[in-house]
Amino acid sequence: MSRRNGQLGERLIQLFNALQRRDTTFGQIYAMSASCGIDARRVLADHFQRGAPHG
């Protein structure tokens, strides 16, 4: 899978999987997001807002 997705793709998949686990810490999410070049605050906000009603 690494050749197909590349290193960034692999890190994004790992970040997605980490968000699905309850034992992942905010610090881990921050570090993984940074390695992907993504704002961790936005990742966490979007992740936790997913279950909230919109509008």
Protein backbone atom coordinates (compact mmCIF):
# COMPACT_ATOMS: atom_id res chain seq x y z
CA MET A 1 0.00 0.00 0.00
CA SER A 2 2.90 2.37 0.62
CA ARG A 3 3.87 2.62 -3.04
CA ARG A 4 0.31 3.32 -4.10
CA ASN A 5 -0.50 6.02 -1.52
CA GLY A 6 2.94 7.49 -0.91
CA GLN A 7 4.29 8.57 2.46
CA LEU A 8 1.79 11.39 2.95
CA GLY A 9 -1.10 9.09 2.06
CA GLU A 10 0.12 6.53 4.58
CA ARG A 11 0.35 9.17 7.32
CA LEU A 12 -3.16 10.41 6.51
CA ILE A 13 -4.52 6.87 6.78
CA GLN A 14 -2.73 6.44 10.12
CA LEU A 15 -4.20 9.75 11.33
CA PHE A 16 -7.70 8.66 10.30
CA ASN A 17 -7.27 5.32 12.07
CA ALA A 18 -5.93 7.05 15.20
CA LEU A 19 -9.02 9.28 15.30
CA GLN A 20 -11.19 6.15 15.38
CA ARG A 21 -9.46 4.80 18.51
CA ARG A 22 -10.61 6.09 21.89
CA ASP A 23 -7.17 5.69 23.46
CA THR A 24 -5.46 8.15 21.10
CA THR A 25 -4.38 11.32 22.93
CA PHE A 26 -4.68 14.89 21.70
CA GLY A 27 -0.89 15.08 21.71
CA GLN A 28 -0.69 12.13 19.33
CA ILE A 29 -3.26 13.73 17.03
CA TYR A 30 -1.30 17.02 17.09
CA ALA A 31 1.94 15.22 16.19
CA MET A 32 0.36 13.13 13.44
CA SER A 33 -1.45 16.14 11.98
CA ALA A 34 1.76 18.17 11.95
CA SER A 35 3.55 15.39 10.08
CA CYS A 36 0.83 15.65 7.40
CA GLY A 37 0.96 19.45 7.26
CA ILE A 38 -2.56 19.78 8.66
CA ASP A 39 -3.81 22.05 11.47
CA ALA A 40 -4.55 19.69 14.37
CA ARG A 41 -7.09 22.09 15.86
CA ARG A 42 -9.12 21.87 12.68
CA VAL A 43 -8.80 18.07 12.55
CA LEU A 44 -10.05 17.73 16.13
CA ALA A 45 -12.82 20.31 15.69
CA ASP A 46 -14.10 18.60 12.55
CA HIS A 47 -13.84 15.18 14.17
CA PHE A 48 -15.84 16.11 17.26
CA GLN A 49 -18.35 18.27 15.38
CA ARG A 50 -19.29 15.35 13.15
CA GLY A 51 -21.95 14.12 15.60
CA ALA A 52 -23.39 17.58 16.35
CA PRO A 53 -26.48 18.83 14.54
CA HIS A 54 -25.78 21.59 12.01
CA GLY A 55 -27.88 24.65 11.33
